[in-house]
Amino acid sequence: MRRQGPVDGWRAVFPPARWLASYQKEWLANDAIAGVTLAAYGIPVSLAYASLAGLPPQCGIYCYLVGGLFYALFGSSCQLAIGPTSAISMLVGVTIAGMAQGDPGRWASIAALAALVVAAMCVLAWLFRLSSLVNFISETILLGFKAGAALTIAMTQLPKLFGVEGGGHGFFGSIVTLAGQFPDTNFAVLAFGLAAMVVLLLGEKFLPGRPIALFVVVISILVMSVTPLGELGFRIVGALPQGLPDFKLPDLRVRDVDGVIPLAFACLLLAYVESVSAARALAQARGYEIDARQELLGLGAANLAAALFQAYPVAGGLSQSSVNDKAGARTPLALVFASVTIGLCLLYLTGMLHNLPNVVLAAIVLVAVKGLISIGELRHLWWVSRFEFGVSMVAFAGVLVLGILKGVIVSVLVSLLLLIRRAAHPHVAFLGQIPGSRLYSDIERNPDNAPVPGALLFRVESSLFYFNAEHVREAVWQRIRSTSESLTLAVCDLSSSPAVDLAGARMLATLHAELEAGGIRLRLVAAHAAVRDILRAEGLDKSIGHFGRQNTMADIIDEFQGRTGKTAPAT
């Protein structure tokens, strides 16, 4: 489905007003089939993710039940599926463990409260147009974070796979504890779990987009119900409450729970990054565009519903969205069909899940988190940029050593520090003449460029602001000190500097005075209009000389070398 042109008013914040107007009746069957398929995929996955979050299994189902339904009212993607995700579930589980004081009721209330705070943050971010802030979190950081999160999540599920208690504090503590429990492995449970993983992996490879997890769940329930395997130490899900969740506000308030705001912020960050990334990928494949700001409202509505119906923070994930897309979803109406299907299952089929073994849920999680680790991307990063690879590994190590919540914070801080470092240390290119032309480019990248005897030509490849001006000045002086020949001219090309602040203008004035004291004349060329204005306001046109918009590097060099160049009028 393609987007219509821009709209104003209430239609701009209520996408169904747009896509329902152009809805075609032949799409109804596609959306219905996709919705049922998504429900078949989502029910077993949501049970597994709820165990990651430390919540009763039905809480995961509630996430799918209401999250997608409310996202359909405000989201801008046609195929994005909303529900619990592995990273957020793990984040919720390990963080609330220290807040709940061993009380399951308090645990569930904190999880719902976190979803409510996420919803409030989404609305505030939408009001203040903060959707672009997600771009400050680099793909490099996310690559390492996801890999660390995948290993952390896997470590929580391996004890279930081996049929042991597990335990330990943190990732490395869990490894030590699990290693000590290997002699107690329940081989019947291990074999059952491995068989489930094999079927899931084969289905993922040969039947992509099909609800293989549902097939595994059904078969495992039948095996547990009609064979004596259940007597060999298998732990089962047990009875789930029948019926739809009650509508109610979380029992706790923000002031009652220390740490719920950082938890909610981390959930929002993960949810928004993952949702927008998945939505954009699907939209590009389908030939339309999403509205990144509108996605804040969609996620806000989904998390508000999760908070009010006894669930926990939700997001749009690529795996469930791909299932929805491959099953034929044309519009968000597929999410409505999925919610209806899940609601019917909650009303009439919950008893069938009683004998579902926990090891199968562990197998589903272990197969799902495999997709969080991209070895190919990490290998590519290693070859392209060792520095970026190192940054990714910082995020990776942060998750393993500090845990998911602190790992998110470390990832954000590393992203910001990386951004600040790049802004504070822009590349200063020193230029030479391109052979056979009157153009000049970076002589380090193009060694065949000809240097101009007696002149230093340089270009600052960023705006000139207070935090990078001294770096530029020092880079110029370092080049001058390393040059053996006598210089009488320095030319600063400002074509790559769209903005200059007061500190940047004053740095150029200082550089001019210092160079002049050493017998070197500074000239400026190719300054943008707004840059020329602030330079003139600081009097640089009087001290340095004319730098009008028609002056070029070639003109200055012609003049320096005694050839006739163009004389530009003042502007």
Protein backbone atom coordinates (compact mmCIF):
# COMPACT_ATOMS: atom_id res chain seq x y z
CA MET A 1 0.00 0.00 0.00
CA ARG A 2 1.41 3.38 -1.02
CA ARG A 3 1.12 6.52 1.00
CA GLN A 4 -1.08 9.39 -0.12
CA GLY A 5 0.17 12.96 -0.25
CA PRO A 6 0.72 15.10 2.84
CA VAL A 7 -2.36 15.77 4.95
CA ASP A 8 -3.15 18.20 7.73
CA GLY A 9 -5.31 18.27 10.84
CA TRP A 10 -6.50 15.22 12.72
CA ARG A 11 -5.91 12.96 9.71
CA ALA A 12 -2.18 13.62 10.06
CA VAL A 13 -2.10 11.93 13.50
CA PHE A 14 -4.70 9.25 12.77
CA PRO A 15 -3.39 7.14 9.85
CA PRO A 16 -6.51 4.90 9.53
CA ALA A 17 -8.34 7.96 8.19
CA ARG A 18 -5.97 7.77 5.24
CA TRP A 19 -5.47 4.09 4.54
CA LEU A 20 -9.09 3.10 5.16
CA ALA A 21 -10.22 5.63 2.55
CA SER A 22 -8.19 3.82 -0.12
CA TYR A 23 -8.74 0.30 1.20
CA GLN A 24 -9.49 -2.30 -1.48
CA LYS A 25 -11.80 -5.22 -0.71
CA GLU A 26 -9.38 -7.75 -2.22
CA TRP A 27 -6.90 -6.81 0.52
CA LEU A 28 -9.25 -8.13 3.22
CA ALA A 29 -8.36 -11.78 2.67
CA ASN A 30 -4.63 -10.95 2.69
CA ASP A 31 -4.91 -9.05 5.96
CA ALA A 32 -7.04 -11.77 7.57
CA ILE A 33 -4.61 -14.56 6.63
CA ALA A 34 -1.65 -12.47 7.77
CA GLY A 35 -3.38 -11.71 11.07
CA VAL A 36 -4.08 -15.37 11.84
CA THR A 37 -0.54 -16.33 10.82
CA LEU A 38 0.91 -13.60 13.04
CA ALA A 39 -1.17 -14.81 15.97
CA ALA A 40 0.02 -18.38 15.40
CA TYR A 41 3.60 -17.11 15.44
CA GLY A 42 3.13 -14.67 18.31
CA ILE A 43 1.47 -16.89 20.93
CA PRO A 44 4.35 -19.33 21.50
CA VAL A 45 6.97 -16.57 21.14
CA SER A 46 5.16 -14.33 23.62
CA LEU A 47 5.02 -17.16 26.17
CA ALA A 48 8.80 -17.55 25.83
CA TYR A 49 9.51 -13.83 26.11
CA ALA A 50 7.28 -13.47 29.17
CA SER A 51 9.50 -16.01 30.92
CA LEU A 52 12.48 -13.81 30.04
CA ALA A 53 10.71 -10.87 31.66
CA GLY A 54 10.08 -12.92 34.80
CA LEU A 55 6.32 -12.56 34.32
CA PRO A 56 3.46 -15.07 34.05
CA PRO A 57 3.16 -16.51 30.51
CA GLN A 58 -0.16 -14.79 29.82
CA CYS A 59 1.49 -11.36 30.15
CA GLY A 60 3.39 -12.01 26.94
CA ILE A 61 0.16 -12.93 25.16
CA TYR A 62 -1.45 -9.72 26.46
CA CYS A 63 1.38 -7.76 24.83
CA TYR A 64 0.42 -9.11 21.42
CA LEU A 65 -3.30 -8.86 22.13
CA VAL A 66 -3.44 -5.12 22.84
CA GLY A 67 -0.10 -3.77 21.54
CA GLY A 68 -0.79 -4.42 17.87
CA LEU A 69 -4.44 -3.37 18.14
CA PHE A 70 -3.59 0.09 19.48
CA TYR A 71 -0.56 0.53 17.22
CA ALA A 72 -2.88 0.00 14.24
CA LEU A 73 -4.73 3.17 15.27
CA PHE A 74 -1.70 5.46 15.29
CA GLY A 75 1.28 3.75 13.60
CA SER A 76 2.45 4.70 10.12
CA SER A 77 3.76 1.30 8.99
CA CYS A 78 1.53 -1.10 7.09
CA GLN A 79 3.41 -4.26 8.04
CA LEU A 80 5.07 -3.60 11.41
CA ALA A 81 3.96 -6.11 14.07
CA ILE A 82 3.98 -5.03 17.71
CA GLY A 83 4.64 -7.28 20.67
CA PRO A 84 7.27 -8.29 23.23
CA THR A 85 10.87 -8.51 22.03
CA SER A 86 13.75 -10.54 23.41
CA ALA A 87 15.96 -7.56 24.37
CA ILE A 88 13.19 -5.62 26.09
CA SER A 89 11.90 -8.72 27.86
CA MET A 90 15.38 -9.45 29.17
CA LEU A 91 15.85 -5.81 30.18
CA VAL A 92 12.56 -5.84 32.07
CA GLY A 93 13.33 -9.14 33.79
CA VAL A 94 16.84 -8.39 35.05
CA THR A 95 16.02 -4.82 36.09
CA ILE A 96 12.78 -5.49 37.93
CA ALA A 97 14.36 -8.43 39.77
CA GLY A 98 16.09 -5.94 42.02
CA MET A 99 12.98 -3.80 42.51
CA ALA A 100 10.26 -6.37 43.12
CA GLN A 101 11.61 -7.68 46.45
CA GLY A 102 10.51 -11.20 45.51
CA ASP A 103 6.83 -10.22 45.22
CA PRO A 104 5.28 -11.49 41.91
CA GLY A 105 2.43 -8.98 42.19
CA ARG A 106 4.85 -6.08 42.59
CA TRP A 107 6.92 -7.45 39.70
CA ALA A 108 3.90 -7.34 37.36
CA SER A 109 2.89 -3.88 38.60
CA ILE A 110 6.38 -2.46 37.97
CA ALA A 111 6.39 -3.95 34.46
CA ALA A 112 3.03 -2.34 33.69
CA LEU A 113 4.21 0.95 35.23
CA ALA A 114 7.31 0.88 33.00
CA ALA A 115 5.04 0.52 29.94
CA LEU A 116 2.98 3.49 31.15
CA VAL A 117 6.11 5.64 31.54
CA VAL A 118 7.30 4.57 28.07
CA ALA A 119 3.94 5.71 26.68
CA ALA A 120 4.27 9.09 28.39
CA MET A 121 7.81 9.51 27.09
CA CYS A 122 6.64 8.68 23.57
CA VAL A 123 3.96 11.36 23.68
CA LEU A 124 6.41 13.94 25.04
CA ALA A 125 8.95 13.03 22.36
CA TRP A 126 6.21 13.38 19.73
CA LEU A 127 5.12 16.77 21.07
CA PHE A 128 8.69 18.11 21.12
CA ARG A 129 9.59 16.52 17.75
CA LEU A 130 12.44 14.45 19.18
CA SER A 131 12.20 11.57 16.71
CA SER A 132 15.48 12.55 15.07
CA LEU A 133 17.37 11.97 18.35
CA VAL A 134 17.39 8.24 17.62
CA ASN A 135 19.86 8.97 14.82
CA PHE A 136 22.45 9.78 17.46
CA ILE A 137 22.64 6.07 18.28
CA SER A 138 24.93 4.65 15.62
CA GLU A 139 24.47 1.32 13.86
CA THR A 140 27.98 0.45 15.03
CA ILE A 141 26.92 0.74 18.67
CA LEU A 142 23.72 -1.23 18.09
CA LEU A 143 25.65 -4.02 16.39
CA GLY A 144 27.73 -4.62 19.52
CA PHE A 145 24.82 -4.07 21.88
CA LYS A 146 22.62 -6.62 20.11
CA ALA A 147 25.39 -9.23 20.11
CA GLY A 148 25.95 -8.72 23.85
CA ALA A 149 22.22 -8.84 24.52
CA ALA A 150 21.90 -12.08 22.54
CA LEU A 151 24.59 -13.82 24.62
CA THR A 152 23.11 -12.48 27.86
CA ILE A 153 19.64 -13.72 26.89
CA ALA A 154 21.02 -17.08 25.81
CA MET A 155 22.70 -17.55 29.19
CA THR A 156 19.34 -17.17 30.94
CA GLN A 157 17.85 -19.97 28.80
CA LEU A 158 20.67 -22.52 28.81
CA PRO A 159 19.85 -23.78 32.33
CA LYS A 160 16.32 -24.57 31.13
CA LEU A 161 17.78 -26.38 28.13
CA PHE A 162 20.00 -28.53 30.38
CA GLY A 163 17.24 -29.06 32.92
CA VAL A 164 19.16 -27.47 35.81
CA GLU A 165 18.47 -24.61 38.21
CA GLY A 166 21.01 -22.12 36.87
CA GLY A 167 21.67 -18.96 38.81
CA GLY A 168 24.68 -16.73 39.34
CA HIS A 169 25.02 -12.97 39.18
CA GLY A 170 25.60 -11.43 35.78
CA PHE A 171 26.72 -13.05 32.55
CA PHE A 172 30.03 -14.46 33.75
CA GLY A 173 28.61 -15.54 37.10
CA SER A 174 25.88 -17.43 35.25
CA ILE A 175 28.52 -19.23 33.16
CA VAL A 176 30.39 -20.34 36.27
CA THR A 177 27.18 -21.53 37.95
CA LEU A 178 26.00 -23.42 34.86
CA ALA A 179 29.38 -25.08 34.46
CA GLY A 180 29.17 -26.35 38.03
CA GLN A 181 25.72 -27.81 37.37
CA PHE A 182 26.62 -29.75 34.21
CA PRO A 183 26.86 -33.05 36.14
CA ASP A 184 23.17 -32.61 37.06
CA THR A 185 22.05 -32.30 33.42
CA ASN A 186 18.66 -33.87 32.70
CA PHE A 187 19.46 -35.59 29.40
CA ALA A 188 15.80 -36.20 28.56
CA VAL A 189 15.09 -32.48 28.82
CA LEU A 190 18.27 -31.63 26.88
CA ALA A 191 17.43 -34.03 24.06
CA PHE A 192 13.88 -32.71 23.86
CA GLY A 193 15.09 -29.10 23.75
CA LEU A 194 17.74 -29.82 21.12
CA ALA A 195 15.18 -31.62 18.95
CA ALA A 196 12.88 -28.59 19.21
CA MET A 197 15.74 -26.28 18.21
CA VAL A 198 16.58 -28.45 15.20
CA VAL A 199 12.97 -28.33 13.99
CA LEU A 200 12.82 -24.57 14.52
CA LEU A 201 16.08 -24.00 12.63
CA LEU A 202 15.03 -26.26 9.75
CA GLY A 203 11.67 -24.50 9.56
CA GLU A 204 13.38 -21.12 9.58
CA LYS A 205 15.56 -22.19 6.66
CA PHE A 206 13.09 -24.10 4.50
CA LEU A 207 9.72 -22.61 5.51
CA PRO A 208 10.42 -18.93 6.26
CA GLY A 209 7.45 -16.94 7.45
CA ARG A 210 5.50 -20.02 8.55
CA PRO A 211 4.43 -20.49 12.20
CA ILE A 212 6.88 -23.33 12.87
CA ALA A 213 7.05 -22.39 16.55
CA LEU A 214 3.32 -23.12 16.85
CA PHE A 215 3.85 -26.53 15.27
CA VAL A 216 6.65 -27.29 17.77
CA VAL A 217 4.46 -26.15 20.67
CA VAL A 218 1.52 -28.31 19.57
CA ILE A 219 3.68 -31.41 19.05
CA SER A 220 5.46 -30.97 22.38
CA ILE A 221 2.13 -30.61 24.24
CA LEU A 222 0.86 -33.79 22.59
CA VAL A 223 4.05 -35.67 23.48
CA MET A 224 3.85 -34.51 27.11
CA SER A 225 0.17 -35.42 27.28
CA VAL A 226 0.24 -38.95 25.81
CA THR A 227 3.68 -40.26 26.83
CA PRO A 228 5.38 -40.81 30.20
CA LEU A 229 8.06 -38.20 29.39
CA GLY A 230 6.45 -35.80 31.81
CA GLU A 231 7.65 -38.02 34.64
CA LEU A 232 11.32 -37.45 33.73
CA GLY A 233 11.67 -34.05 35.34
CA PHE A 234 10.10 -31.79 32.71
CA ARG A 235 8.78 -28.48 33.98
CA ILE A 236 5.61 -27.29 32.32
CA VAL A 237 3.86 -23.94 31.89
CA GLY A 238 0.83 -25.01 33.87
CA ALA A 239 -2.63 -23.47 33.87
CA LEU A 240 -3.13 -20.08 32.24
CA PRO A 241 -6.02 -17.81 33.27
CA GLN A 242 -8.88 -18.05 30.82
CA GLY A 243 -10.41 -14.89 29.41
CA LEU A 244 -9.32 -11.41 28.43
CA PRO A 245 -7.16 -9.25 30.73
CA ASP A 246 -8.84 -6.76 33.04
CA PHE A 247 -8.59 -3.06 32.29
CA LYS A 248 -6.85 -1.27 35.17
CA LEU A 249 -4.13 1.22 35.99
CA PRO A 250 -0.86 -0.11 37.44
CA ASP A 251 -1.08 -0.43 41.23
CA LEU A 252 2.13 1.55 41.72
CA ARG A 253 3.13 5.13 40.91
CA VAL A 254 6.45 6.42 39.62
CA ARG A 255 7.36 7.85 43.04
CA ASP A 256 6.90 4.39 44.56
CA VAL A 257 9.61 2.69 42.47
CA ASP A 258 13.21 3.84 42.33
CA GLY A 259 14.73 3.17 38.93
CA VAL A 260 11.56 2.84 36.86
CA ILE A 261 12.36 5.97 34.81
CA PRO A 262 15.81 4.73 33.66
CA LEU A 263 14.21 1.37 32.87
CA ALA A 264 11.47 3.03 30.82
CA PHE A 265 13.97 5.24 28.99
CA ALA A 266 16.08 2.21 28.06
CA CYS A 267 12.94 0.38 26.88
CA LEU A 268 11.91 3.40 24.81
CA LEU A 269 15.33 3.64 23.22
CA LEU A 270 15.40 -0.03 22.27
CA ALA A 271 11.76 -0.04 21.17
CA TYR A 272 12.04 3.03 18.97
CA VAL A 273 15.32 2.06 17.33
CA GLU A 274 14.16 -1.49 16.61
CA SER A 275 10.67 -0.46 15.49
CA VAL A 276 11.75 2.32 13.15
CA SER A 277 14.53 0.18 11.66
CA ALA A 278 12.13 -2.69 10.97
CA ALA A 279 9.39 -0.38 9.68
CA ARG A 280 11.76 1.39 7.29
CA ALA A 281 13.12 -1.86 5.91
CA LEU A 282 9.62 -3.16 5.18
CA ALA A 283 8.43 0.17 3.80
CA GLN A 284 11.34 0.37 1.35
CA ALA A 285 10.58 -3.13 0.11
CA ARG A 286 6.91 -2.21 -0.37
CA GLY A 287 7.57 1.20 -1.97
CA TYR A 288 6.31 3.67 0.61
CA GLU A 289 7.70 5.75 3.46
CA ILE A 290 6.99 5.73 7.16
CA ASP A 291 6.69 8.79 9.38
CA ALA A 292 9.36 8.46 12.09
CA ARG A 293 7.62 11.03 14.29
CA GLN A 294 4.24 9.31 13.92
CA GLU A 295 5.89 6.08 15.06
CA LEU A 296 6.31 7.69 18.48
CA LEU A 297 2.53 7.99 18.73
CA GLY A 298 2.06 4.43 17.52
CA LEU A 299 4.49 3.05 20.09
CA GLY A 300 3.01 5.31 22.75
CA ALA A 301 -0.49 3.98 22.11
CA ALA A 302 0.75 0.37 22.10
CA ASN A 303 2.58 0.79 25.41
CA LEU A 304 -0.32 2.64 26.99
CA ALA A 305 -2.55 -0.32 26.13
CA ALA A 306 0.06 -2.72 27.51
CA ALA A 307 0.13 -0.78 30.78
CA LEU A 308 -3.65 -0.78 31.12
CA PHE A 309 -4.09 -4.47 30.30
CA GLN A 310 -1.49 -6.11 32.59
CA ALA A 311 1.32 -6.43 30.06
CA TYR A 312 4.78 -4.85 29.82
CA PRO A 313 6.70 -2.63 27.31
CA VAL A 314 6.27 -3.61 23.67
CA ALA A 315 7.99 -2.78 20.40
CA GLY A 316 7.99 -3.62 16.73
CA GLY A 317 10.42 -6.43 15.93
CA LEU A 318 11.81 -7.42 12.56
CA SER A 319 11.12 -11.14 13.01
CA GLN A 320 7.41 -10.87 13.77
CA SER A 321 7.02 -8.07 11.23
CA SER A 322 8.62 -10.25 8.56
CA VAL A 323 6.12 -12.99 9.38
CA ASN A 324 3.30 -10.47 9.00
CA ASP A 325 4.72 -9.17 5.72
CA LYS A 326 5.44 -12.57 4.16
CA ALA A 327 1.95 -13.77 5.11
CA GLY A 328 0.52 -11.02 2.90
CA ALA A 329 -0.36 -8.10 5.19
CA ARG A 330 -1.37 -5.04 3.18
CA THR A 331 -2.47 -2.69 5.96
CA PRO A 332 -2.47 -2.44 9.79
CA LEU A 333 -5.84 -4.22 9.69
CA ALA A 334 -3.78 -7.44 9.84
CA LEU A 335 -2.88 -6.51 13.43
CA VAL A 336 -6.58 -6.23 14.26
CA PHE A 337 -7.20 -9.73 12.91
CA ALA A 338 -4.21 -10.99 14.93
CA SER A 339 -5.62 -9.45 18.11
CA VAL A 340 -9.06 -10.97 17.48
CA THR A 341 -7.48 -14.39 16.92
CA ILE A 342 -5.42 -14.12 20.11
CA GLY A 343 -8.50 -12.96 22.04
CA LEU A 344 -10.44 -16.01 20.92
CA CYS A 345 -7.56 -18.25 21.99
CA LEU A 346 -7.52 -16.61 25.43
CA LEU A 347 -11.27 -17.17 25.76
CA TYR A 348 -11.40 -20.79 24.67
CA LEU A 349 -7.99 -22.46 24.21
CA THR A 350 -5.79 -21.60 27.21
CA GLY A 351 -6.30 -25.03 28.76
CA MET A 352 -4.49 -26.62 25.85
CA LEU A 353 -1.22 -24.95 26.90
CA HIS A 354 -1.12 -26.59 30.34
CA ASN A 355 1.38 -29.33 29.38
CA LEU A 356 3.73 -27.10 27.36
CA PRO A 357 7.30 -27.85 28.61
CA ASN A 358 9.44 -24.85 29.56
CA VAL A 359 12.38 -26.26 27.61
CA VAL A 360 10.46 -25.64 24.39
CA LEU A 361 10.05 -21.97 25.32
CA ALA A 362 13.81 -21.85 25.97
CA ALA A 363 14.43 -23.36 22.54
CA ILE A 364 12.22 -20.73 20.90
CA VAL A 365 14.14 -17.92 22.63
CA LEU A 366 17.55 -19.40 21.78
CA VAL A 367 16.65 -19.67 18.10
CA ALA A 368 15.10 -16.19 18.07
CA VAL A 369 18.11 -14.39 19.61
CA LYS A 370 20.41 -15.95 17.02
CA GLY A 371 19.26 -13.21 14.69
CA LEU A 372 20.63 -10.52 17.02
CA ILE A 373 24.22 -11.56 16.26
CA SER A 374 25.40 -10.52 12.79
CA ILE A 375 28.81 -12.11 12.27
CA GLY A 376 28.90 -10.89 8.69
CA GLU A 377 28.36 -7.27 9.72
CA LEU A 378 30.98 -7.52 12.48
CA ARG A 379 33.48 -9.01 10.04
CA HIS A 380 32.72 -6.24 7.55
CA LEU A 381 33.17 -3.63 10.28
CA TRP A 382 36.56 -5.14 11.18
CA TRP A 383 37.80 -4.73 7.62
CA VAL A 384 36.28 -1.29 7.01
CA SER A 385 37.20 0.46 10.27
CA ARG A 386 39.10 -0.99 13.22
CA PHE A 387 38.11 2.05 15.26
CA GLU A 388 34.38 1.50 14.63
CA PHE A 389 34.83 -2.19 15.40
CA GLY A 390 36.44 -1.23 18.72
CA VAL A 391 33.51 1.04 19.55
CA SER A 392 31.11 -1.80 18.78
CA MET A 393 33.07 -4.09 21.09
CA VAL A 394 32.82 -1.51 23.90
CA ALA A 395 29.03 -1.74 23.67
CA PHE A 396 29.29 -5.55 23.46
CA ALA A 397 31.46 -5.73 26.57
CA GLY A 398 29.29 -3.18 28.39
CA VAL A 399 26.25 -5.46 28.10
CA LEU A 400 28.14 -8.58 29.20
CA VAL A 401 29.91 -6.96 32.14
CA LEU A 402 27.31 -4.45 33.35
CA GLY A 403 24.05 -6.05 32.23
CA ILE A 404 21.39 -4.99 29.72
CA LEU A 405 20.18 -1.78 31.42
CA LYS A 406 23.64 -0.38 32.12
CA GLY A 407 24.72 -1.70 28.74
CA VAL A 408 22.07 0.48 27.10
CA ILE A 409 23.35 3.50 29.02
CA VAL A 410 26.96 2.69 28.07
CA SER A 411 25.90 2.38 24.43
CA VAL A 412 24.21 5.79 24.52
CA LEU A 413 27.23 7.40 26.19
CA VAL A 414 29.66 5.83 23.73
CA SER A 415 27.50 7.05 20.82
CA LEU A 416 27.48 10.59 22.20
CA LEU A 417 31.22 10.54 22.95
CA LEU A 418 31.90 9.27 19.44
CA LEU A 419 29.75 12.05 18.01
CA ILE A 420 31.52 14.67 20.14
CA ARG A 421 34.94 13.29 19.20
CA ARG A 422 34.17 13.50 15.50
CA ALA A 423 32.72 16.99 15.81
CA ALA A 424 35.66 18.22 17.88
CA HIS A 425 38.31 16.75 15.55
CA PRO A 426 37.20 17.48 11.98
CA HIS A 427 39.46 16.53 9.12
CA VAL A 428 41.61 19.39 7.83
CA ALA A 429 42.51 18.58 4.22
CA PHE A 430 45.66 20.11 2.75
CA LEU A 431 45.22 20.71 -0.94
CA GLY A 432 47.18 20.42 -4.17
CA GLN A 433 46.30 21.21 -7.77
CA ILE A 434 44.64 18.44 -9.76
CA PRO A 435 46.85 17.86 -12.85
CA GLY A 436 45.50 19.51 -16.00
CA SER A 437 42.85 21.53 -14.18
CA ARG A 438 42.29 24.65 -12.09
CA LEU A 439 40.80 22.56 -9.25
CA TYR A 440 42.34 21.61 -5.91
CA SER A 441 41.75 18.54 -3.72
CA ASP A 442 43.21 16.65 -0.75
CA ILE A 443 46.84 15.94 -1.54
CA GLU A 444 47.05 13.05 0.95
CA ARG A 445 44.30 11.15 -0.84
CA ASN A 446 45.63 12.15 -4.26
CA PRO A 447 49.46 12.11 -4.18
CA ASP A 448 49.65 13.09 -7.87
CA ASN A 449 48.20 16.52 -7.01
CA ALA A 450 50.77 19.28 -7.39
CA PRO A 451 51.57 21.41 -4.30
CA VAL A 452 51.82 25.15 -4.84
CA PRO A 453 55.35 26.31 -3.96
CA GLY A 454 55.36 28.84 -1.14
CA ALA A 455 51.66 28.35 -0.34
CA LEU A 456 49.68 26.27 2.14
CA LEU A 457 46.18 25.46 0.94
CA PHE A 458 43.73 23.85 3.37
CA ARG A 459 40.05 23.02 3.70
CA VAL A 460 38.13 22.42 6.95
CA GLU A 461 35.68 19.60 6.32
CA SER A 462 33.09 20.66 8.89
CA SER A 463 31.49 23.72 10.35
CA LEU A 464 33.77 25.87 12.52
CA PHE A 465 32.46 26.03 16.08
CA TYR A 466 33.83 26.78 19.52
CA PHE A 467 34.58 23.12 20.27
CA ASN A 468 36.66 22.42 17.13
CA ALA A 469 38.20 25.80 16.24
CA GLU A 470 41.39 25.23 18.23
CA HIS A 471 41.82 21.78 16.68
CA VAL A 472 41.74 23.38 13.21
CA ARG A 473 44.20 26.10 14.23
CA GLU A 474 46.60 23.56 15.72
CA ALA A 475 46.34 21.31 12.61
CA VAL A 476 47.35 24.26 10.40
CA TRP A 477 50.30 25.16 12.60
CA GLN A 478 51.41 21.54 12.82
CA ARG A 479 51.46 21.40 9.02
CA ILE A 480 53.41 24.65 8.81
CA ARG A 481 55.97 23.43 11.35
CA SER A 482 56.44 20.18 9.42
CA THR A 483 56.95 22.01 6.10
CA SER A 484 60.60 22.67 5.25
CA GLU A 485 60.01 25.29 2.54
CA SER A 486 59.39 28.96 3.24
CA LEU A 487 55.71 29.91 3.06
CA THR A 488 54.29 33.33 2.23
CA LEU A 489 50.63 32.45 1.58
CA ALA A 490 47.95 30.38 3.34
CA VAL A 491 44.53 29.91 1.76
CA CYS A 492 41.56 28.58 3.75
CA ASP A 493 38.82 26.99 1.62
CA LEU A 494 35.53 27.31 3.53
CA SER A 495 33.37 25.51 0.95
CA SER A 496 32.91 22.56 3.35
CA SER A 497 32.02 24.78 6.33
CA PRO A 498 28.30 25.61 6.10
CA ALA A 499 28.36 27.43 9.46
CA VAL A 500 30.86 29.38 11.55
CA ASP A 501 30.13 30.67 15.04
CA LEU A 502 31.74 33.59 16.87
CA ALA A 503 34.56 31.44 18.27
CA GLY A 504 35.29 30.06 14.80
CA ALA A 505 35.45 33.57 13.29
CA ARG A 506 37.74 34.77 16.06
CA MET A 507 40.00 31.74 15.59
CA LEU A 508 40.44 32.75 11.94
CA ALA A 509 41.26 36.29 13.05
CA THR A 510 43.82 34.96 15.54
CA LEU A 511 45.30 32.63 12.92
CA HIS A 512 45.59 35.58 10.52
CA ALA A 513 47.44 37.65 13.11
CA GLU A 514 49.81 34.78 13.97
CA LEU A 515 50.55 33.98 10.34
CA GLU A 516 51.05 37.63 9.48
CA ALA A 517 53.60 37.92 12.28
CA GLY A 518 55.50 35.08 10.59
CA GLY A 519 55.35 36.66 7.14
CA ILE A 520 52.49 34.54 5.84
CA ARG A 521 49.36 36.11 4.40
CA LEU A 522 46.01 34.38 5.06
CA ARG A 523 43.24 34.44 2.43
CA LEU A 524 39.71 33.00 2.60
CA VAL A 525 37.75 31.57 -0.33
CA ALA A 526 34.41 29.87 -1.06
CA ALA A 527 32.70 31.02 2.15
CA HIS A 528 28.92 30.51 2.29
CA ALA A 529 26.68 33.57 2.56
CA ALA A 530 25.86 33.14 6.26
CA VAL A 531 29.55 32.52 6.98
CA ARG A 532 30.57 35.68 5.10
CA ASP A 533 28.09 37.66 7.19
CA ILE A 534 29.58 36.64 10.53
CA LEU A 535 33.15 37.04 9.27
CA ARG A 536 32.38 40.56 8.14
CA ALA A 537 30.66 41.30 11.44
CA GLU A 538 33.97 40.39 13.11
CA GLY A 539 35.86 42.69 10.72
CA LEU A 540 37.77 39.96 8.87
CA ASP A 541 37.09 41.56 5.50
CA LYS A 542 39.14 44.55 6.67
CA SER A 543 42.01 42.59 8.25
CA ILE A 544 42.26 39.60 5.90
CA GLY A 545 40.88 41.13 2.73
CA HIS A 546 38.12 40.43 0.26
CA PHE A 547 36.44 36.99 0.39
CA GLY A 548 33.44 37.47 -1.88
CA ARG A 549 31.39 34.64 -3.29
CA GLN A 550 33.05 34.84 -6.73
CA ASN A 551 36.60 34.38 -5.42
CA THR A 552 38.03 30.91 -6.04
CA MET A 553 41.16 29.09 -4.99
CA ALA A 554 42.42 29.31 -8.58
CA ASP A 555 41.99 33.12 -8.56
CA ILE A 556 44.06 33.49 -5.41
CA ILE A 557 46.82 31.22 -6.73
CA ASP A 558 46.89 33.07 -10.08
CA GLU A 559 47.26 36.31 -8.21
CA PHE A 560 49.96 34.83 -5.93
CA GLN A 561 51.93 33.48 -8.87
CA GLY A 562 51.69 36.75 -10.77
CA ARG A 563 49.18 35.67 -13.38
CA THR A 564 46.07 37.69 -14.19
CA GLY A 565 43.08 36.45 -12.27
CA LYS A 566 39.49 37.54 -11.92
CA THR A 567 38.77 40.44 -9.64
CA ALA A 568 35.47 39.96 -7.88
CA PRO A 569 33.31 42.82 -6.72
CA ALA A 570 32.58 43.08 -3.01
CA THR A 571 29.39 41.29 -1.94
